[in-house]
Amino acid sequence: MSTRATTRRKTGPTANAAQSDAERVAEQLDAIGHLREESTRALAQDLPEALTPPQVRAMEVLVDSTRKNPAAGELSLSELSTRLGLAHSTVSGIVDRLERRGLIRRTTRPDDRRYVRIEITFPVREWLRHELPALRVRPLASALSQASEKERAALTRSLALLQGLLEAQTSARQPGSSASRRSRNRRSTSEWTSSSARS
């Protein structure tokens, strides 16, 4: 029996188990992400005037844009409509109501007054910077408080392990990484061997 055949039998079930575990982990992470989003939306209901679901979603998109690019997180009405998947006229009405509440503002470019951008206001930016992080963590902290110290430590280690594995995999795929170079060298050697065998 060849070593290659033995290796195939060993790696086959292992690969299937890893795939099954990955699907289960992905489902759990999606569920956790959904629950965290729901808790964030619930925060909007604590405002003096609760936001409607479309208004919350519009604010989420603008906040996300600001987080990714604090210096230029504003969006045009067209961009906001596309991200929300809603009609231009519908989003325009949402923006009007959010602007009246002082949550967002419209700005124009000095060189072209027709070019309107939508951004969150300074008080909202300050709230995002100083208050939202703690508020977002609060539901998670509440849930973890129900676990034992040993369970929390195990969870932390497991998440750190998963993060490390994903980061290592991503790093290995970078064009300049040693793993990437080794992979290219293996392919080149294999191609050269095949070519020599044919000739």
Protein backbone atom coordinates (compact mmCIF):
# COMPACT_ATOMS: atom_id res chain seq x y z
CA MET A 1 0.00 0.00 0.00
CA SER A 2 1.47 3.34 -1.05
CA THR A 3 2.19 6.14 1.39
CA ARG A 4 0.16 8.48 -0.82
CA ALA A 5 -2.96 6.30 -0.57
CA THR A 6 -2.56 6.08 3.21
CA THR A 7 -2.20 9.86 3.45
CA ARG A 8 -5.33 10.36 1.36
CA ARG A 9 -7.38 8.19 3.70
CA LYS A 10 -6.08 10.07 6.74
CA THR A 11 -6.62 13.55 5.36
CA GLY A 12 -10.04 12.83 3.81
CA PRO A 13 -12.02 12.35 7.04
CA THR A 14 -9.98 15.13 8.70
CA ALA A 15 -10.84 17.55 5.93
CA ASN A 16 -14.52 16.60 6.14
CA ALA A 17 -14.51 17.12 9.92
CA ALA A 18 -12.82 20.49 9.53
CA GLN A 19 -15.41 21.53 6.94
CA SER A 20 -18.25 20.47 9.22
CA ASP A 21 -16.71 22.32 12.18
CA ALA A 22 -16.14 25.42 10.02
CA GLU A 23 -19.81 25.48 8.99
CA ARG A 24 -20.89 25.17 12.62
CA VAL A 25 -18.51 27.93 13.75
CA ALA A 26 -19.64 30.19 10.89
CA GLU A 27 -23.29 29.72 11.90
CA GLN A 28 -22.48 30.51 15.53
CA LEU A 29 -20.47 33.62 14.63
CA ASP A 30 -23.29 34.81 12.36
CA ALA A 31 -25.80 34.28 15.17
CA ILE A 32 -23.60 36.18 17.64
CA GLY A 33 -23.17 39.02 15.13
CA HIS A 34 -26.93 39.18 14.60
CA LEU A 35 -27.58 39.29 18.34
CA ARG A 36 -25.04 42.09 18.77
CA GLU A 37 -26.68 44.05 15.96
CA GLU A 38 -30.04 43.60 17.63
CA SER A 39 -28.66 44.92 20.93
CA THR A 40 -27.23 47.95 19.09
CA ARG A 41 -30.61 48.63 17.49
CA ALA A 42 -32.22 48.38 20.91
CA LEU A 43 -29.99 51.24 22.06
CA ALA A 44 -31.77 53.48 19.56
CA GLN A 45 -35.01 52.87 21.43
CA ASP A 46 -33.48 54.49 24.54
CA LEU A 47 -33.30 57.86 22.79
CA PRO A 48 -35.84 60.54 23.81
CA GLU A 49 -37.59 59.82 20.51
CA ALA A 50 -37.13 56.26 19.30
CA LEU A 51 -35.86 55.85 15.74
CA THR A 52 -37.82 53.84 13.22
CA PRO A 53 -36.13 50.71 11.79
CA PRO A 54 -35.29 52.44 8.44
CA GLN A 55 -33.80 55.39 10.34
CA VAL A 56 -31.73 53.04 12.50
CA ARG A 57 -30.47 51.26 9.39
CA ALA A 58 -29.54 54.57 7.73
CA MET A 59 -27.63 55.63 10.84
CA GLU A 60 -25.88 52.24 10.94
CA VAL A 61 -24.67 52.69 7.36
CA LEU A 62 -23.43 56.23 8.03
CA VAL A 63 -21.78 55.21 11.29
CA ASP A 64 -20.08 52.26 9.61
CA SER A 65 -18.82 54.54 6.84
CA THR A 66 -17.45 56.95 9.45
CA ARG A 67 -15.74 54.18 11.38
CA LYS A 68 -13.98 52.92 8.26
CA ASN A 69 -12.91 56.41 7.21
CA PRO A 70 -13.20 58.97 10.05
CA ALA A 71 -11.75 61.75 7.91
CA ALA A 72 -14.21 61.28 5.05
CA GLY A 73 -17.07 59.06 6.12
CA GLU A 74 -19.83 61.01 4.43
CA LEU A 75 -21.94 59.52 1.64
CA SER A 76 -23.97 60.94 -1.20
CA LEU A 77 -27.73 60.36 -1.22
CA SER A 78 -27.25 57.97 -4.14
CA GLU A 79 -24.59 55.97 -2.26
CA LEU A 80 -26.76 55.79 0.85
CA SER A 81 -29.76 54.66 -1.22
CA THR A 82 -27.68 51.91 -2.83
CA ARG A 83 -26.39 50.62 0.49
CA LEU A 84 -29.86 50.63 2.01
CA GLY A 85 -31.44 49.06 -1.06
CA LEU A 86 -34.20 51.68 -1.00
CA ALA A 87 -35.58 54.16 -3.52
CA HIS A 88 -33.91 57.56 -3.76
CA SER A 89 -37.11 59.36 -2.74
CA THR A 90 -37.60 57.09 0.30
CA VAL A 91 -34.05 57.67 1.55
CA SER A 92 -34.42 61.40 0.96
CA GLY A 93 -37.37 61.41 3.38
CA ILE A 94 -35.39 59.40 5.95
CA VAL A 95 -32.50 61.86 5.69
CA ASP A 96 -34.87 64.82 6.12
CA ARG A 97 -36.23 63.41 9.37
CA LEU A 98 -32.80 62.49 10.74
CA GLU A 99 -31.51 65.95 9.85
CA ARG A 100 -34.39 67.62 11.71
CA ARG A 101 -33.41 65.62 14.80
CA GLY A 102 -29.82 66.84 14.56
CA LEU A 103 -28.35 63.39 13.93
CA ILE A 104 -27.02 64.03 10.44
CA ARG A 105 -26.32 67.02 8.23
CA ARG A 106 -25.99 67.76 4.55
CA THR A 107 -22.86 69.41 3.25
CA THR A 108 -21.96 70.71 -0.21
CA ARG A 109 -18.65 70.99 -1.98
CA PRO A 110 -17.38 74.58 -2.26
CA ASP A 111 -16.64 74.10 -5.96
CA ASP A 112 -19.98 72.46 -6.77
CA ARG A 113 -23.04 73.29 -4.67
CA ARG A 114 -25.04 70.57 -6.44
CA TYR A 115 -22.79 67.88 -4.95
CA VAL A 116 -24.44 67.07 -1.61
CA ARG A 117 -22.90 64.77 0.99
CA ILE A 118 -24.55 63.33 4.09
CA GLU A 119 -22.62 62.90 7.33
CA ILE A 120 -23.31 62.33 11.01
CA THR A 121 -23.13 65.43 13.20
CA PHE A 122 -20.35 66.24 15.66
CA PRO A 123 -22.37 65.25 18.79
CA VAL A 124 -23.05 61.86 17.20
CA ARG A 125 -19.35 61.46 16.40
CA GLU A 126 -18.50 62.23 20.01
CA TRP A 127 -21.11 59.73 21.20
CA LEU A 128 -19.61 57.09 18.92
CA ARG A 129 -16.13 57.79 20.25
CA HIS A 130 -16.86 57.96 23.96
CA GLU A 131 -20.11 56.11 24.72
CA LEU A 132 -20.98 53.59 22.03
CA PRO A 133 -18.02 51.21 22.63
CA ALA A 134 -19.09 50.63 26.23
CA LEU A 135 -22.74 50.34 25.26
CA ARG A 136 -21.99 47.76 22.57
CA VAL A 137 -19.95 45.67 25.00
CA ARG A 138 -22.57 45.84 27.76
CA PRO A 139 -24.83 42.99 26.44
CA LEU A 140 -21.77 40.81 25.87
CA ALA A 141 -20.45 41.53 29.37
CA SER A 142 -23.88 40.73 30.80
CA ALA A 143 -23.96 37.38 28.99
CA LEU A 144 -20.40 36.49 30.01
CA SER A 145 -21.16 37.30 33.63
CA GLN A 146 -23.38 34.22 33.64
CA ALA A 147 -20.43 31.99 32.74
CA SER A 148 -17.83 30.75 35.20
CA GLU A 149 -14.29 32.11 35.21
CA LYS A 150 -13.09 28.82 33.73
CA GLU A 151 -15.67 28.99 30.92
CA ARG A 152 -14.74 32.60 30.13
CA ALA A 153 -11.06 31.70 29.99
CA ALA A 154 -11.77 28.75 27.68
CA LEU A 155 -13.89 30.95 25.42
CA THR A 156 -11.20 33.63 25.28
CA ARG A 157 -8.52 31.05 24.42
CA SER A 158 -10.70 29.49 21.71
CA LEU A 159 -11.45 32.84 20.08
CA ALA A 160 -7.79 33.86 20.26
CA LEU A 161 -6.82 30.55 18.63
CA LEU A 162 -9.36 31.04 15.82
CA GLN A 163 -8.20 34.61 15.25
CA GLY A 164 -4.57 33.49 15.13
CA LEU A 165 -5.32 30.70 12.64
CA LEU A 166 -7.24 33.06 10.36
CA GLU A 167 -4.53 35.74 10.55
CA ALA A 168 -1.82 33.17 9.76
CA GLN A 169 -3.81 31.92 6.78
CA THR A 170 -4.36 35.45 5.50
CA SER A 171 -0.69 36.31 5.98
CA ALA A 172 0.40 33.18 4.10
CA ARG A 173 -1.65 34.27 1.09
CA GLN A 174 0.07 37.65 0.85
CA PRO A 175 2.24 37.83 -2.33
CA GLY A 176 5.48 38.54 -0.45
CA SER A 177 5.08 35.99 2.36
CA SER A 178 7.50 33.08 2.75
CA ALA A 179 4.62 30.60 2.59
CA SER A 180 3.47 32.13 -0.68
CA ARG A 181 7.01 31.91 -2.08
CA ARG A 182 7.30 28.26 -1.01
CA SER A 183 3.99 27.50 -2.72
CA ARG A 184 5.18 29.15 -5.94
CA ASN A 185 8.47 27.27 -5.77
CA ARG A 186 6.63 23.97 -5.30
CA ARG A 187 4.45 24.71 -8.32
CA SER A 188 7.47 25.69 -10.41
CA THR A 189 9.32 22.50 -9.42
CA SER A 190 6.26 20.38 -10.19
CA GLU A 191 5.83 22.04 -13.58
CA TRP A 192 9.51 21.57 -14.41
CA THR A 193 9.38 17.88 -13.37
CA SER A 194 6.28 17.27 -15.49
CA SER A 195 7.86 19.04 -18.46
CA SER A 196 11.07 16.98 -18.12
CA ALA A 197 9.10 13.75 -17.91
CA ARG A 198 7.19 14.56 -21.09
CA SER A 199 10.37 15.45 -22.96
